[in-house]
Protein backbone atom coordinates (compact mmCIF):
# COMPACT_ATOMS: atom_id res chain seq x y z
CA UNK A 1 -14.75 -22.89 4.10
CA UNK A 2 -15.97 -21.28 0.88
CA UNK A 3 -16.79 -17.60 1.02
CA UNK A 4 -18.87 -15.88 -1.62
CA UNK A 5 -18.77 -12.12 -1.50
CA UNK A 6 -19.45 -8.99 -3.48
CA UNK A 7 -16.90 -6.36 -4.41
CA UNK A 8 -16.23 -3.71 -3.42
CA UNK A 9 -15.95 -5.13 0.08
CA UNK A 10 -16.05 -1.56 1.37
CA UNK A 11 -18.04 0.82 -0.81
CA UNK A 12 -16.98 4.11 0.75
CA UNK A 13 -13.94 6.20 -0.09
CA UNK A 14 -10.96 4.05 0.94
CA UNK A 15 -7.94 4.69 -1.27
CA UNK A 16 -4.55 3.00 -0.88
CA UNK A 17 -5.78 0.25 1.47
CA UNK A 18 -3.63 -1.94 3.70
CA UNK A 19 -4.87 -4.75 5.96
CA UNK A 20 -3.23 -6.44 8.94
CA UNK A 21 -4.38 -9.47 10.92
CA UNK A 22 -4.30 -9.23 14.72
CA UNK A 23 -5.70 -12.11 16.76
CA UNK A 24 -9.07 -12.91 15.22
CA UNK A 25 -9.66 -9.56 13.53
CA UNK A 26 -8.51 -7.71 10.45
CA UNK A 27 -7.80 -3.98 10.51
CA UNK A 28 -7.77 -1.90 7.33
CA UNK A 29 -6.11 1.51 6.90
CA UNK A 30 -6.47 4.01 4.07
CA UNK A 31 -5.70 7.50 2.81
CA UNK A 32 -7.47 10.45 4.45
CA UNK A 33 -11.19 10.66 3.85
CA UNK A 34 -14.53 10.80 5.66
CA UNK A 35 -13.20 8.90 8.69
CA UNK A 36 -10.16 11.14 9.28
CA UNK A 37 -6.42 11.36 8.58
CA UNK A 38 -5.92 7.59 8.55
CA UNK A 39 -9.24 5.93 7.88
CA UNK A 40 -9.62 2.69 9.83
CA UNK A 41 -11.99 -0.28 9.57
CA UNK A 42 -12.19 -3.67 11.24
CA UNK A 43 -13.59 -7.03 10.15
CA UNK A 44 -13.78 -10.64 11.23
CA UNK A 45 -13.94 -12.06 7.69
CA UNK A 46 -12.46 -9.51 5.21
CA UNK A 47 -15.92 -9.10 3.69
CA UNK A 48 -18.05 -7.20 6.23
CA UNK A 49 -16.28 -4.08 7.51
CA UNK A 50 -17.14 -1.79 10.42
CA UNK A 51 -15.92 1.77 10.69
CA UNK A 52 -13.43 2.39 13.51
CA UNK A 53 -12.49 6.01 12.84
CA UNK A 54 -9.18 7.87 12.64
CA UNK A 55 -6.03 5.95 13.65
CA UNK A 56 -3.91 9.13 13.54
CA UNK A 57 -6.01 11.94 15.02
CA UNK A 58 -3.00 14.20 15.74
CA UNK A 59 -0.27 15.14 13.27
CA UNK A 60 3.23 16.42 14.10
CA UNK A 61 3.90 20.17 14.00
CA UNK A 62 5.84 20.10 10.71
CA UNK A 63 2.82 18.96 8.68
CA UNK A 64 -0.89 19.73 8.32
CA UNK A 65 -4.04 17.77 7.45
CA UNK A 66 -5.34 17.25 3.95
CA UNK A 67 -2.70 15.13 2.21
CA UNK A 68 -2.27 12.15 4.53
CA UNK A 69 -1.85 9.25 2.14
CA UNK A 70 -1.12 5.54 1.88
CA UNK A 71 -0.76 4.41 5.53
CA UNK A 72 0.74 1.00 6.23
CA UNK A 73 1.23 -0.68 9.61
CA UNK A 74 4.04 -3.07 10.61
CA UNK A 75 3.25 -5.42 13.49
CA UNK A 76 6.17 -5.50 15.95
CA UNK A 77 4.46 -7.43 18.74
CA UNK A 78 1.16 -7.86 20.58
CA UNK A 79 1.30 -4.30 21.91
CA UNK A 80 3.51 -2.44 19.40
CA UNK A 81 2.36 -1.31 15.97
CA UNK A 82 4.34 1.04 13.73
CA UNK A 83 2.52 3.18 11.15
CA UNK A 84 4.24 4.64 8.08
CA UNK A 85 2.34 7.30 6.19
CA UNK A 86 2.72 10.07 3.62
CA UNK A 87 1.98 13.67 4.55
CA UNK A 88 2.88 17.21 3.50
CA UNK A 89 6.22 18.65 4.58
CA UNK A 90 4.99 22.21 5.00
CA UNK A 91 8.44 23.81 4.83
CA UNK A 92 9.27 22.37 1.39
CA UNK A 93 5.76 22.01 0.01
CA UNK A 94 6.48 18.40 -0.95
CA UNK A 95 5.08 15.12 0.29
CA UNK A 96 7.17 13.16 2.80
CA UNK A 97 7.10 9.92 4.79
CA UNK A 98 6.68 9.87 8.56
CA UNK A 99 6.20 7.23 11.24
CA UNK A 100 3.98 6.82 14.32
CA UNK A 101 3.57 4.17 17.03
CA UNK A 102 0.61 2.70 18.93
CA UNK A 103 0.01 -0.06 21.47
CA UNK A 104 -3.29 -1.02 19.82
CA UNK A 105 -3.70 -1.82 16.11
CA UNK A 106 -6.51 0.67 15.70
CA UNK A 107 -4.53 3.46 17.39
CA UNK A 108 -4.33 6.17 18.30
CA UNK A 109 -0.88 6.28 16.69
CA UNK A 110 1.48 8.94 18.00
CA UNK A 111 4.09 10.65 15.83
CA UNK A 112 6.73 12.34 17.98
CA UNK A 113 8.95 13.35 15.05
CA UNK A 114 10.37 16.83 14.53
CA UNK A 115 11.03 16.17 10.81
CA UNK A 116 10.12 13.56 8.15
CA UNK A 117 11.60 10.10 8.10
CA UNK A 118 12.05 10.29 4.31
CA UNK A 119 12.01 13.50 2.26
CA UNK A 120 13.45 13.73 -1.26
CA UNK A 121 12.37 17.33 -1.87
CA UNK A 122 14.66 17.79 -4.87
CA UNK A 123 13.12 14.71 -6.51
CA UNK A 124 9.49 15.74 -6.07
CA UNK A 125 8.99 14.40 -2.56
CA UNK A 126 8.55 10.90 -1.11
CA UNK A 127 5.34 8.86 -0.93
CA UNK A 128 3.86 5.36 -0.56
CA UNK A 129 6.01 3.91 2.24
CA UNK A 130 5.64 0.16 2.70
CA UNK A 131 7.31 -1.86 5.50
CA UNK A 132 8.54 -5.43 5.01
CA UNK A 133 10.19 -7.98 7.28
CA UNK A 134 12.19 -10.76 5.62
CA UNK A 135 12.58 -14.31 6.90
CA UNK A 136 15.82 -13.41 8.72
CA UNK A 137 13.97 -10.81 10.78
CA UNK A 138 15.48 -7.77 9.03
CA UNK A 139 13.00 -4.96 8.51
CA UNK A 140 12.93 -2.83 5.35
CA UNK A 141 11.10 0.23 4.09
CA UNK A 142 10.11 0.77 0.44
CA UNK A 143 8.86 4.04 -1.03
CA UNK A 144 8.65 6.11 -4.22
CA UNK A 145 10.09 9.51 -4.99
CA UNK A 146 7.20 11.63 -6.29
CA UNK A 147 9.05 12.51 -9.47
CA UNK A 148 5.96 12.86 -11.63
CA UNK A 149 5.07 15.92 -9.53
CA UNK A 150 8.02 17.76 -11.10
CA UNK A 151 8.53 15.86 -14.35
CA UNK A 152 11.44 13.59 -13.39
CA UNK A 153 11.85 9.82 -13.06
CA UNK A 154 9.97 7.91 -10.36
CA UNK A 155 12.05 5.33 -8.51
CA UNK A 156 11.02 2.62 -6.09
CA UNK A 157 13.67 2.71 -3.36
CA UNK A 158 14.40 0.59 -0.30
CA UNK A 159 16.34 1.05 2.91
CA UNK A 160 17.04 -1.13 5.91
CA UNK A 161 15.15 -0.21 9.06
CA UNK A 162 16.36 -0.28 12.64
CA UNK A 163 14.79 -2.98 14.86
CA UNK A 164 12.48 -0.30 16.28
CA UNK A 165 11.32 0.60 12.80
CA UNK A 166 11.81 4.29 13.54
CA UNK A 167 15.05 5.04 11.68
CA UNK A 168 16.66 4.13 8.35
CA UNK A 169 20.01 2.34 8.27
CA UNK A 170 22.54 3.11 5.55
CA UNK A 171 21.93 4.56 2.12
CA UNK A 172 18.78 3.66 0.18
CA UNK A 173 18.91 1.48 -2.92
CA UNK A 174 16.97 2.25 -6.09
CA UNK A 175 15.15 -0.77 -7.54
CA UNK A 176 12.97 0.11 -10.54
CA UNK A 177 11.61 3.15 -12.37
CA UNK A 178 9.05 3.63 -15.15
CA UNK A 179 10.33 1.83 -18.28
CA UNK A 180 7.36 -0.07 -19.76
CA UNK A 181 4.70 1.50 -22.00
CA UNK A 182 1.80 0.56 -19.72
CA UNK A 183 3.44 2.36 -16.76
CA UNK A 184 3.11 5.80 -18.35
CA UNK A 185 5.23 8.34 -16.50
CA UNK A 186 5.35 6.69 -13.09
CA UNK A 187 5.68 3.66 -10.87
CA UNK A 188 4.52 3.78 -7.25
CA UNK A 189 2.88 1.89 -4.37
CA UNK A 190 5.53 -0.81 -3.77
CA UNK A 191 4.70 -3.95 -1.80
CA UNK A 192 7.24 -6.73 -1.21
CA UNK A 193 6.45 -10.41 -0.57
CA UNK A 194 8.89 -13.22 0.22
CA UNK A 195 7.89 -16.69 -0.95
CA UNK A 196 10.04 -19.83 -1.10
CA UNK A 197 13.25 -17.82 -0.99
CA UNK A 198 12.21 -15.44 -3.78
CA UNK A 199 11.23 -11.80 -3.41
CA UNK A 200 8.24 -10.45 -5.31
CA UNK A 201 7.81 -6.70 -5.70
CA UNK A 202 4.30 -5.58 -6.62
CA UNK A 203 3.82 -1.99 -7.75
CA UNK A 204 1.36 0.29 -9.54
CA UNK A 205 1.88 2.28 -12.70
CA UNK A 206 0.25 5.01 -14.80
CA UNK A 207 -2.22 7.67 -13.53
CA UNK A 208 -4.28 6.84 -10.43
CA UNK A 209 -7.38 8.57 -11.84
CA UNK A 210 -7.35 6.77 -15.20
CA UNK A 211 -8.56 3.35 -16.33
CA UNK A 212 -4.98 2.64 -17.42
CA UNK A 213 -3.79 2.46 -13.79
CA UNK A 214 -2.65 -1.14 -13.15
CA UNK A 215 -0.48 -3.36 -10.95
CA UNK A 216 2.84 -4.79 -12.10
CA UNK A 217 5.24 -7.36 -10.69
CA UNK A 218 9.01 -7.73 -10.51
CA UNK A 219 11.10 -10.64 -9.27
CA UNK A 220 13.98 -9.60 -7.01
CA UNK A 221 17.06 -11.57 -6.01
CA UNK A 222 17.12 -9.98 -2.52
CA UNK A 223 15.00 -7.42 -0.66
CA UNK A 224 17.25 -4.72 -2.13
CA UNK A 225 17.38 -6.12 -5.66
CA UNK A 226 18.31 -6.47 -8.34
CA UNK A 227 14.75 -6.73 -9.67
CA UNK A 228 13.47 -7.87 -13.06
CA UNK A 229 10.01 -6.80 -14.20
CA UNK A 230 7.61 -9.46 -15.44
CA UNK A 231 6.24 -7.22 -18.21
CA UNK A 232 2.49 -6.79 -18.63
CA UNK A 233 0.30 -5.85 -15.65
CA UNK A 234 -0.96 -8.67 -13.46
CA UNK A 235 -4.05 -6.66 -12.40
CA UNK A 236 -5.79 -4.20 -14.69
CA UNK A 237 -9.17 -2.72 -15.55
CA UNK A 238 -12.06 -5.14 -16.01
CA UNK A 239 -15.73 -4.59 -16.91
CA UNK A 240 -16.47 -4.48 -13.16
CA UNK A 241 -13.76 -2.10 -11.94
CA UNK A 242 -11.43 0.48 -13.46
CA UNK A 243 -7.93 1.57 -12.54
CA UNK A 244 -7.22 -1.08 -9.89
CA UNK A 245 -4.06 -0.40 -7.95
CA UNK A 246 -2.10 0.32 -4.80
CA UNK A 247 -2.34 -3.30 -3.75
CA UNK A 248 -1.05 -5.25 -0.79
CA UNK A 249 -0.91 -9.01 -0.23
CA UNK A 250 -2.69 -10.57 2.72
CA UNK A 251 -1.79 -14.12 3.77
CA UNK A 252 -4.57 -16.11 5.44
CA UNK A 253 -4.41 -19.70 6.70
CA UNK A 254 -5.90 -21.01 3.46
CA UNK A 255 -4.89 -18.62 0.68
CA UNK A 256 -3.48 -15.27 -0.37
CA UNK A 257 -5.51 -12.19 -1.23
CA UNK A 258 -4.81 -9.06 -3.22
CA UNK A 259 -6.29 -6.03 -1.43
CA UNK A 260 -6.50 -2.91 -3.60
CA UNK A 261 -8.61 0.07 -4.59
CA UNK A 262 -10.58 0.64 -7.80
CA UNK A 263 -13.06 3.00 -9.44
CA UNK A 264 -16.57 2.53 -10.74
CA UNK A 265 -15.92 2.07 -14.50
CA UNK A 266 -18.58 4.64 -15.33
CA UNK A 267 -17.03 7.32 -13.11
CA UNK A 268 -13.26 6.90 -13.29
CA UNK A 269 -11.59 9.83 -11.56
CA UNK A 270 -14.93 11.52 -10.84
CA UNK A 271 -16.83 9.06 -8.60
CA UNK A 272 -17.95 11.08 -5.53
CA UNK A 273 -17.09 8.08 -3.34
CA UNK A 274 -13.58 8.00 -4.72
CA UNK A 275 -11.74 4.67 -4.82
CA UNK A 276 -13.34 1.73 -3.00
CA UNK A 277 -11.70 -1.37 -1.46
CA UNK A 278 -11.62 -4.64 -3.43
CA UNK A 279 -10.40 -8.21 -2.96
CA UNK A 280 -9.06 -10.63 -5.57
CA UNK A 281 -7.62 -14.11 -5.12
CA UNK A 282 -3.85 -14.42 -5.55
CA UNK A 283 -2.52 -17.82 -6.65
CA UNK A 284 0.97 -19.09 -7.39
CA UNK A 285 2.11 -21.51 -10.10
CA UNK A 286 5.79 -22.44 -10.35
CA UNK A 287 6.64 -19.38 -8.28
CA UNK A 288 4.72 -16.97 -10.52
CA UNK A 289 1.78 -14.94 -9.18
CA UNK A 290 -1.61 -14.77 -10.86
CA UNK A 291 -4.33 -12.38 -9.70
CA UNK A 292 -8.03 -12.85 -10.35
CA UNK A 293 -9.38 -9.89 -12.36
CA UNK A 294 -11.61 -7.45 -10.48
CA UNK A 295 -15.01 -9.13 -10.16
CA UNK A 296 -18.12 -7.92 -8.38
CA UNK A 297 -19.21 -11.49 -7.64
CA UNK A 298 -16.55 -13.69 -6.07
CA UNK A 299 -16.08 -17.10 -4.52
CA UNK A 300 -12.98 -18.30 -2.72
CA UNK A 301 -11.49 -19.94 0.31
CA UNK A 302 -10.97 -18.04 3.56
CA UNK A 303 -10.06 -19.33 6.97
């Protein structure tokens, strides 16, 4: 059926959004904000969202509230959900990646760790963890070293995950860093998609609080590279929304969607609401992705 909707689909503060489908509902997770450490919403149609609350009400002893960023959930089964998130490693003062588990998609997720899952303290820290399962069943974790925090390169890295999703296997592989003019001094927010035997890495570049923040794309030979960037951004500022980024790709029975955050163009970096959640249609032509620009008024297919 055709769905007409208005962006943002959620007009409150909801940065770094990720959405999963469980049974007949969608659950959305985002960086800390008014709803708690891991803000959580639910919806039956991706358009009308109800507040659920905080999916991660308790943090492990090695961290503290305030910088809980970019949560993403991997579905392991009908009663097992694994949450990866960024939070402060209090001992080093850098951001790190941790992991928590729940039996219900909306939580509460429990993190029993005594230390971070990923911490590259000497490279600025580690942020923006994103899980991916390839068609063979192998699970992977992507992330970014927070190099721009200390003036060094930012790399998107990947490591194999154990079947439980709780530990890394082997040494990580570096995929891409900032090399294109539009990326400024960083790349971040990786999200991998497998389609027809090809691997598509989406990522964000430039400063999150500027209109120049955008989403790029790279084509990878395998989940751990090598990857070749496509060049110009595939999602960037429009008259309706500024600084779109930190996207994920949601597959529905009828089409693919880009889910991302963006600013009000008149208040980039200063909007009291912060970054709101947006949808754009993702289409494919000859294996290449095209994303509809950010539009307040939309029409598309959803099932």
